[in-house]
Amino acid sequence: MSKAKAKRSINLEDFKKSMESIFSTSIIEETLNESLFAYKYSQTLMSDIGDIVEILDQLKPVYNFKHIK
């Protein structure tokens, strides 16, 4: 998804809910394009590459930092 489309289509409340288990001080309108929803779903990605790699584990973020101008 493009950054512009992400900003238009992602809801801030949904973004906040998706980040509940991750410490962050930058869950704001300006970072909607950095939300989980702006990226390819991880399960889809893992199934797409599963034939050529062995997936051992999946990292989960615990802290998120964005420099806001």
PDB file of N, CA and C in Angstrom:
ATOM      1  N   MET A   1       0.855  -1.173   0.000  1.00  0.00           N
ATOM      2  CA  MET A   1       0.000   0.000   0.000  1.00  0.00           C
ATOM      3  C   MET A   1       0.901   1.236   0.000  1.00  0.00           C
ATOM      4  N   SER A   2       0.548   2.225  -0.768  1.00  0.00           N
ATOM      5  CA  SER A   2       1.339   3.451  -0.793  1.00  0.00           C
ATOM      6  C   SER A   2       1.143   4.228   0.509  1.00  0.00           C
ATOM      7  N   LYS A   3       2.085   5.100   0.804  1.00  0.00           N
ATOM      8  CA  LYS A   3       1.982   5.906   2.032  1.00  0.00           C
ATOM      9  C   LYS A   3       0.755   6.814   1.987  1.00  0.00           C
ATOM     10  N   ALA A   4       0.468   7.384   0.828  1.00  0.00           N
ATOM     11  CA  ALA A   4      -0.702   8.262   0.697  1.00  0.00           C
ATOM     12  C   ALA A   4      -1.994   7.474   0.900  1.00  0.00           C
ATOM     13  N   LYS A   5      -2.067   6.283   0.308  1.00  0.00           N
ATOM     14  CA  LYS A   5      -3.269   5.453   0.470  1.00  0.00           C
ATOM     15  C   LYS A   5      -3.417   5.017   1.923  1.00  0.00           C
ATOM     16  N   ALA A   6      -2.317   4.691   2.569  1.00  0.00           N
ATOM     17  CA  ALA A   6      -2.364   4.295   3.978  1.00  0.00           C
ATOM     18  C   ALA A   6      -2.936   5.418   4.832  1.00  0.00           C
ATOM     19  N   LYS A   7      -2.481   6.627   4.605  1.00  0.00           N
ATOM     20  CA  LYS A   7      -2.979   7.759   5.396  1.00  0.00           C
ATOM     21  C   LYS A   7      -4.464   8.000   5.165  1.00  0.00           C
ATOM     22  N   ARG A   8      -4.943   7.709   3.951  1.00  0.00           N
ATOM     23  CA  ARG A   8      -6.368   7.905   3.647  1.00  0.00           C
ATOM     24  C   ARG A   8      -7.237   6.777   4.185  1.00  0.00           C
ATOM     25  N   SER A   9      -6.717   5.562   4.219  1.00  0.00           N
ATOM     26  CA  SER A   9      -7.585   4.418   4.494  1.00  0.00           C
ATOM     27  C   SER A   9      -7.436   3.790   5.876  1.00  0.00           C
ATOM     28  N   ILE A  10      -6.387   4.124   6.618  1.00  0.00           N
ATOM     29  CA  ILE A  10      -6.178   3.500   7.924  1.00  0.00           C
ATOM     30  C   ILE A  10      -6.767   4.384   9.017  1.00  0.00           C
ATOM     31  N   ASN A  11      -7.517   3.766   9.887  1.00  0.00           N
ATOM     32  CA  ASN A  11      -8.176   4.454  10.987  1.00  0.00           C
ATOM     33  C   ASN A  11      -7.218   4.540  12.182  1.00  0.00           C
ATOM     34  N   LEU A  12      -7.098   5.713  12.783  1.00  0.00           N
ATOM     35  CA  LEU A  12      -6.186   5.911  13.907  1.00  0.00           C
ATOM     36  C   LEU A  12      -6.543   5.010  15.092  1.00  0.00           C
ATOM     37  N   GLU A  13      -7.819   4.821  15.360  1.00  0.00           N
ATOM     38  CA  GLU A  13      -8.224   3.958  16.483  1.00  0.00           C
ATOM     39  C   GLU A  13      -7.817   2.506  16.246  1.00  0.00           C
ATOM     40  N   ASP A  14      -7.949   2.030  15.008  1.00  0.00           N
ATOM     41  CA  ASP A  14      -7.509   0.669  14.686  1.00  0.00           C
ATOM     42  C   ASP A  14      -5.993   0.550  14.846  1.00  0.00           C
ATOM     43  N   PHE A  15      -5.280   1.574  14.427  1.00  0.00           N
ATOM     44  CA  PHE A  15      -3.826   1.608  14.575  1.00  0.00           C
ATOM     45  C   PHE A  15      -3.457   1.530  16.055  1.00  0.00           C
ATOM     46  N   LYS A  16      -4.127   2.319  16.891  1.00  0.00           N
ATOM     47  CA  LYS A  16      -3.855   2.300  18.334  1.00  0.00           C
ATOM     48  C   LYS A  16      -4.110   0.912  18.922  1.00  0.00           C
ATOM     49  N   LYS A  17      -5.209   0.282  18.538  1.00  0.00           N
ATOM     50  CA  LYS A  17      -5.528  -1.060  19.043  1.00  0.00           C
ATOM     51  C   LYS A  17      -4.468  -2.076  18.627  1.00  0.00           C
ATOM     52  N   SER A  18      -3.975  -1.955  17.400  1.00  0.00           N
ATOM     53  CA  SER A  18      -2.971  -2.906  16.914  1.00  0.00           C
ATOM     54  C   SER A  18      -1.633  -2.746  17.628  1.00  0.00           C
ATOM     55  N   MET A  19      -1.433  -1.607  18.281  1.00  0.00           N
ATOM     56  CA  MET A  19      -0.168  -1.319  18.958  1.00  0.00           C
ATOM     57  C   MET A  19      -0.266  -1.453  20.479  1.00  0.00           C
ATOM     58  N   GLU A  20      -1.352  -2.003  20.994  1.00  0.00           N
ATOM     59  CA  GLU A  20      -1.561  -2.071  22.440  1.00  0.00           C
ATOM     60  C   GLU A  20      -0.450  -2.793  23.194  1.00  0.00           C
ATOM     61  N   SER A  21       0.144  -3.808  22.624  1.00  0.00           N
ATOM     62  CA  SER A  21       1.191  -4.556  23.326  1.00  0.00           C
ATOM     63  C   SER A  21       2.599  -4.034  23.024  1.00  0.00           C
ATOM     64  N   ILE A  22       2.685  -2.917  22.313  1.00  0.00           N
ATOM     65  CA  ILE A  22       3.973  -2.350  21.915  1.00  0.00           C
ATOM     66  C   ILE A  22       4.099  -0.956  22.507  1.00  0.00           C
ATOM     67  N   PHE A  23       5.174  -0.707  23.252  1.00  0.00           N
ATOM     68  CA  PHE A  23       5.370   0.623  23.810  1.00  0.00           C
ATOM     69  C   PHE A  23       5.727   1.591  22.689  1.00  0.00           C
ATOM     70  N   SER A  24       5.001   2.688  22.605  1.00  0.00           N
ATOM     71  CA  SER A  24       5.269   3.689  21.577  1.00  0.00           C
ATOM     72  C   SER A  24       4.707   5.032  22.015  1.00  0.00           C
ATOM     73  N   THR A  25       5.417   6.081  21.642  1.00  0.00           N
ATOM     74  CA  THR A  25       4.926   7.437  21.890  1.00  0.00           C
ATOM     75  C   THR A  25       4.577   8.124  20.576  1.00  0.00           C
ATOM     76  N   SER A  26       4.508   7.359  19.502  1.00  0.00           N
ATOM     77  CA  SER A  26       4.299   7.974  18.189  1.00  0.00           C
ATOM     78  C   SER A  26       3.144   7.351  17.405  1.00  0.00           C
ATOM     79  N   ILE A  27       2.085   6.996  18.086  1.00  0.00           N
ATOM     80  CA  ILE A  27       0.904   6.466  17.404  1.00  0.00           C
ATOM     81  C   ILE A  27      -0.034   7.646  17.165  1.00  0.00           C
ATOM     82  N   ILE A  28       0.230   8.316  16.056  1.00  0.00           N
ATOM     83  CA  ILE A  28      -0.485   9.548  15.727  1.00  0.00           C
ATOM     84  C   ILE A  28      -0.814   9.566  14.237  1.00  0.00           C
ATOM     85  N   GLU A  29      -1.609  10.528  13.823  1.00  0.00           N
ATOM     86  CA  GLU A  29      -2.008  10.653  12.413  1.00  0.00           C
ATOM     87  C   GLU A  29      -0.803  10.650  11.472  1.00  0.00           C
ATOM     88  N   GLU A  30       0.270  11.319  11.866  1.00  0.00           N
ATOM     89  CA  GLU A  30       1.448  11.444  11.001  1.00  0.00           C
ATOM     90  C   GLU A  30       2.168  10.119  10.758  1.00  0.00           C
ATOM     91  N   THR A  31       1.890   9.100  11.577  1.00  0.00           N
ATOM     92  CA  THR A  31       2.576   7.818  11.409  1.00  0.00           C
ATOM     93  C   THR A  31       1.644   6.702  10.925  1.00  0.00           C
ATOM     94  N   LEU A  32       0.461   7.052  10.468  1.00  0.00           N
ATOM     95  CA  LEU A  32      -0.465   6.033   9.952  1.00  0.00           C
ATOM     96  C   LEU A  32       0.170   5.209   8.832  1.00  0.00           C
ATOM     97  N   ASN A  33       0.991   5.852   8.022  1.00  0.00           N
ATOM     98  CA  ASN A  33       1.629   5.143   6.911  1.00  0.00           C
ATOM     99  C   ASN A  33       2.693   4.155   7.385  1.00  0.00           C
ATOM    100  N   GLU A  34       3.007   4.159   8.670  1.00  0.00           N
ATOM    101  CA  GLU A  34       3.964   3.216   9.244  1.00  0.00           C
ATOM    102  C   GLU A  34       3.257   2.095  10.008  1.00  0.00           C
ATOM    103  N   SER A  35       1.941   2.102  10.000  1.00  0.00           N
ATOM    104  CA  SER A  35       1.198   1.114  10.782  1.00  0.00           C
ATOM    105  C   SER A  35       1.294  -0.277  10.170  1.00  0.00           C
ATOM    106  N   LEU A  36       0.970  -1.252  10.978  1.00  0.00           N
ATOM    107  CA  LEU A  36       0.934  -2.648  10.545  1.00  0.00           C
ATOM    108  C   LEU A  36       0.075  -2.825   9.295  1.00  0.00           C
ATOM    109  N   PHE A  37      -1.004  -2.073   9.200  1.00  0.00           N
ATOM    110  CA  PHE A  37      -1.949  -2.215   8.089  1.00  0.00           C
ATOM    111  C   PHE A  37      -1.391  -1.728   6.755  1.00  0.00           C
ATOM    112  N   ALA A  38      -0.310  -0.961   6.791  1.00  0.00           N
ATOM    113  CA  ALA A  38       0.280  -0.434   5.559  1.00  0.00           C
ATOM    114  C   ALA A  38       1.216  -1.443   4.893  1.00  0.00           C
ATOM    115  N   TYR A  39       1.475  -2.542   5.567  1.00  0.00           N
ATOM    116  CA  TYR A  39       2.418  -3.537   5.067  1.00  0.00           C
ATOM    117  C   TYR A  39       1.711  -4.841   4.725  1.00  0.00           C
ATOM    118  N   LYS A  40       2.383  -5.667   3.960  1.00  0.00           N
ATOM    119  CA  LYS A  40       1.835  -6.963   3.591  1.00  0.00           C
ATOM    120  C   LYS A  40       1.661  -7.823   4.846  1.00  0.00           C
ATOM    121  N   TYR A  41       0.545  -8.499   4.945  1.00  0.00           N
ATOM    122  CA  TYR A  41       0.241  -9.367   6.079  1.00  0.00           C
ATOM    123  C   TYR A  41       1.342 -10.415   6.229  1.00  0.00           C
ATOM    124  N   SER A  42       1.890 -10.564   7.424  1.00  0.00           N
ATOM    125  CA  SER A  42       3.051 -11.432   7.633  1.00  0.00           C
ATOM    126  C   SER A  42       2.777 -12.895   7.276  1.00  0.00           C
ATOM    127  N   GLN A  43       1.573 -13.388   7.548  1.00  0.00           N
ATOM    128  CA  GLN A  43       1.269 -14.781   7.210  1.00  0.00           C
ATOM    129  C   GLN A  43       1.290 -14.990   5.692  1.00  0.00           C
ATOM    130  N   THR A  44       0.822 -14.006   4.949  1.00  0.00           N
ATOM    131  CA  THR A  44       0.860 -14.082   3.489  1.00  0.00           C
ATOM    132  C   THR A  44       2.302 -14.096   3.006  1.00  0.00           C
ATOM    133  N   LEU A  45       3.099 -13.218   3.564  1.00  0.00           N
ATOM    134  CA  LEU A  45       4.505 -13.156   3.191  1.00  0.00           C
ATOM    135  C   LEU A  45       5.209 -14.477   3.495  1.00  0.00           C
ATOM    136  N   MET A  46       4.967 -15.021   4.673  1.00  0.00           N
ATOM    137  CA  MET A  46       5.616 -16.281   5.040  1.00  0.00           C
ATOM    138  C   MET A  46       5.192 -17.422   4.120  1.00  0.00           C
ATOM    139  N   SER A  47       3.931 -17.461   3.739  1.00  0.00           N
ATOM    140  CA  SER A  47       3.503 -18.529   2.829  1.00  0.00           C
ATOM    141  C   SER A  47       4.073 -18.313   1.426  1.00  0.00           C
ATOM    142  N   ASP A  48       4.253 -17.061   1.029  1.00  0.00           N
ATOM    143  CA  ASP A  48       4.829 -16.766  -0.290  1.00  0.00           C
ATOM    144  C   ASP A  48       6.288 -17.199  -0.391  1.00  0.00           C
ATOM    145  N   ILE A  49       7.034 -17.092   0.695  1.00  0.00           N
ATOM    146  CA  ILE A  49       8.462 -17.425   0.646  1.00  0.00           C
ATOM    147  C   ILE A  49       8.780 -18.793   1.237  1.00  0.00           C
ATOM    148  N   GLY A  50       7.765 -19.479   1.733  1.00  0.00           N
ATOM    149  CA  GLY A  50       7.956 -20.760   2.413  1.00  0.00           C
ATOM    150  C   GLY A  50       8.647 -21.836   1.603  1.00  0.00           C
ATOM    151  N   ASP A  51       8.547 -21.786   0.278  1.00  0.00           N
ATOM    152  CA  ASP A  51       9.186 -22.798  -0.564  1.00  0.00           C
ATOM    153  C   ASP A  51      10.693 -22.603  -0.689  1.00  0.00           C
ATOM    154  N   ILE A  52      11.167 -21.400  -0.408  1.00  0.00           N
ATOM    155  CA  ILE A  52      12.598 -21.139  -0.618  1.00  0.00           C
ATOM    156  C   ILE A  52      13.378 -20.869   0.666  1.00  0.00           C
ATOM    157  N   VAL A  53      12.679 -20.717   1.781  1.00  0.00           N
ATOM    158  CA  VAL A  53      13.357 -20.491   3.060  1.00  0.00           C
ATOM    159  C   VAL A  53      12.701 -21.322   4.152  1.00  0.00           C
ATOM    160  N   GLU A  54      13.435 -21.535   5.218  1.00  0.00           N
ATOM    161  CA  GLU A  54      12.871 -22.180   6.394  1.00  0.00           C
ATOM    162  C   GLU A  54      12.640 -21.092   7.439  1.00  0.00           C
ATOM    163  N   ILE A  55      11.404 -20.877   7.805  1.00  0.00           N
ATOM    164  CA  ILE A  55      11.075 -19.854   8.793  1.00  0.00           C
ATOM    165  C   ILE A  55      11.181 -20.491  10.171  1.00  0.00           C
ATOM    166  N   LEU A  56      12.103 -19.985  10.964  1.00  0.00           N
ATOM    167  CA  LEU A  56      12.353 -20.553  12.283  1.00  0.00           C
ATOM    168  C   LEU A  56      11.538 -19.878  13.370  1.00  0.00           C
ATOM    169  N   ASP A  57      11.300 -18.597  13.216  1.00  0.00           N
ATOM    170  CA  ASP A  57      10.584 -17.849  14.243  1.00  0.00           C
ATOM    171  C   ASP A  57      10.120 -16.525  13.652  1.00  0.00           C
ATOM    172  N   GLN A  58       9.273 -15.841  14.374  1.00  0.00           N
ATOM    173  CA  GLN A  58       8.802 -14.530  13.952  1.00  0.00           C
ATOM    174  C   GLN A  58       9.026 -13.554  15.102  1.00  0.00           C
ATOM    175  N   LEU A  59       9.690 -12.461  14.817  1.00  0.00           N
ATOM    176  CA  LEU A  59       9.957 -11.452  15.838  1.00  0.00           C
ATOM    177  C   LEU A  59       8.713 -10.605  16.075  1.00  0.00           C
ATOM    178  N   LYS A  60       8.488 -10.258  17.317  1.00  0.00           N
ATOM    179  CA  LYS A  60       7.383  -9.379  17.684  1.00  0.00           C
ATOM    180  C   LYS A  60       7.979  -8.123  18.315  1.00  0.00           C
ATOM    181  N   PRO A  61       7.605  -6.957  17.840  1.00  0.00           N
ATOM    182  CA  PRO A  61       8.151  -5.732  18.418  1.00  0.00           C
ATOM    183  C   PRO A  61       7.618  -5.490  19.831  1.00  0.00           C
ATOM    184  N   VAL A  62       8.448  -4.887  20.661  1.00  0.00           N
ATOM    185  CA  VAL A  62       8.023  -4.506  22.007  1.00  0.00           C
ATOM    186  C   VAL A  62       8.149  -2.999  22.209  1.00  0.00           C
ATOM    187  N   TYR A  63       8.918  -2.350  21.330  1.00  0.00           N
ATOM    188  CA  TYR A  63       9.145  -0.913  21.433  1.00  0.00           C
ATOM    189  C   TYR A  63       9.151  -0.322  20.034  1.00  0.00           C
ATOM    190  N   ASN A  64       8.532   0.835  19.878  1.00  0.00           N
ATOM    191  CA  ASN A  64       8.471   1.511  18.589  1.00  0.00           C
ATOM    192  C   ASN A  64       8.865   2.963  18.797  1.00  0.00           C
ATOM    193  N   PHE A  65       9.822   3.431  18.009  1.00  0.00           N
ATOM    194  CA  PHE A  65      10.249   4.820  18.105  1.00  0.00           C
ATOM    195  C   PHE A  65      10.251   5.452  16.728  1.00  0.00           C
ATOM    196  N   LYS A  66       9.632   6.579  16.601  1.00  0.00           N
ATOM    197  CA  LYS A  66       9.641   7.359  15.365  1.00  0.00           C
ATOM    198  C   LYS A  66       9.999   8.790  15.723  1.00  0.00           C
ATOM    199  N   HIS A  67      10.919   9.351  14.984  1.00  0.00           N
ATOM    200  CA  HIS A  67      11.249  10.759  15.172  1.00  0.00           C
ATOM    201  C   HIS A  67      10.202  11.581  14.433  1.00  0.00           C
ATOM    202  N   ILE A  68       9.495  12.408  15.149  1.00  0.00           N
ATOM    203  CA  ILE A  68       8.452  13.249  14.568  1.00  0.00           C
ATOM    204  C   ILE A  68       8.980  14.672  14.484  1.00  0.00           C
ATOM    205  N   LYS A  69       8.951  15.214  13.277  1.00  0.00           N
ATOM    206  CA  LYS A  69       9.448  16.589  13.084  1.00  0.00           C
ATOM    207  C   LYS A  69       8.444  17.598  13.562  1.00  0.00           C
TER     208      LYS A  69
END
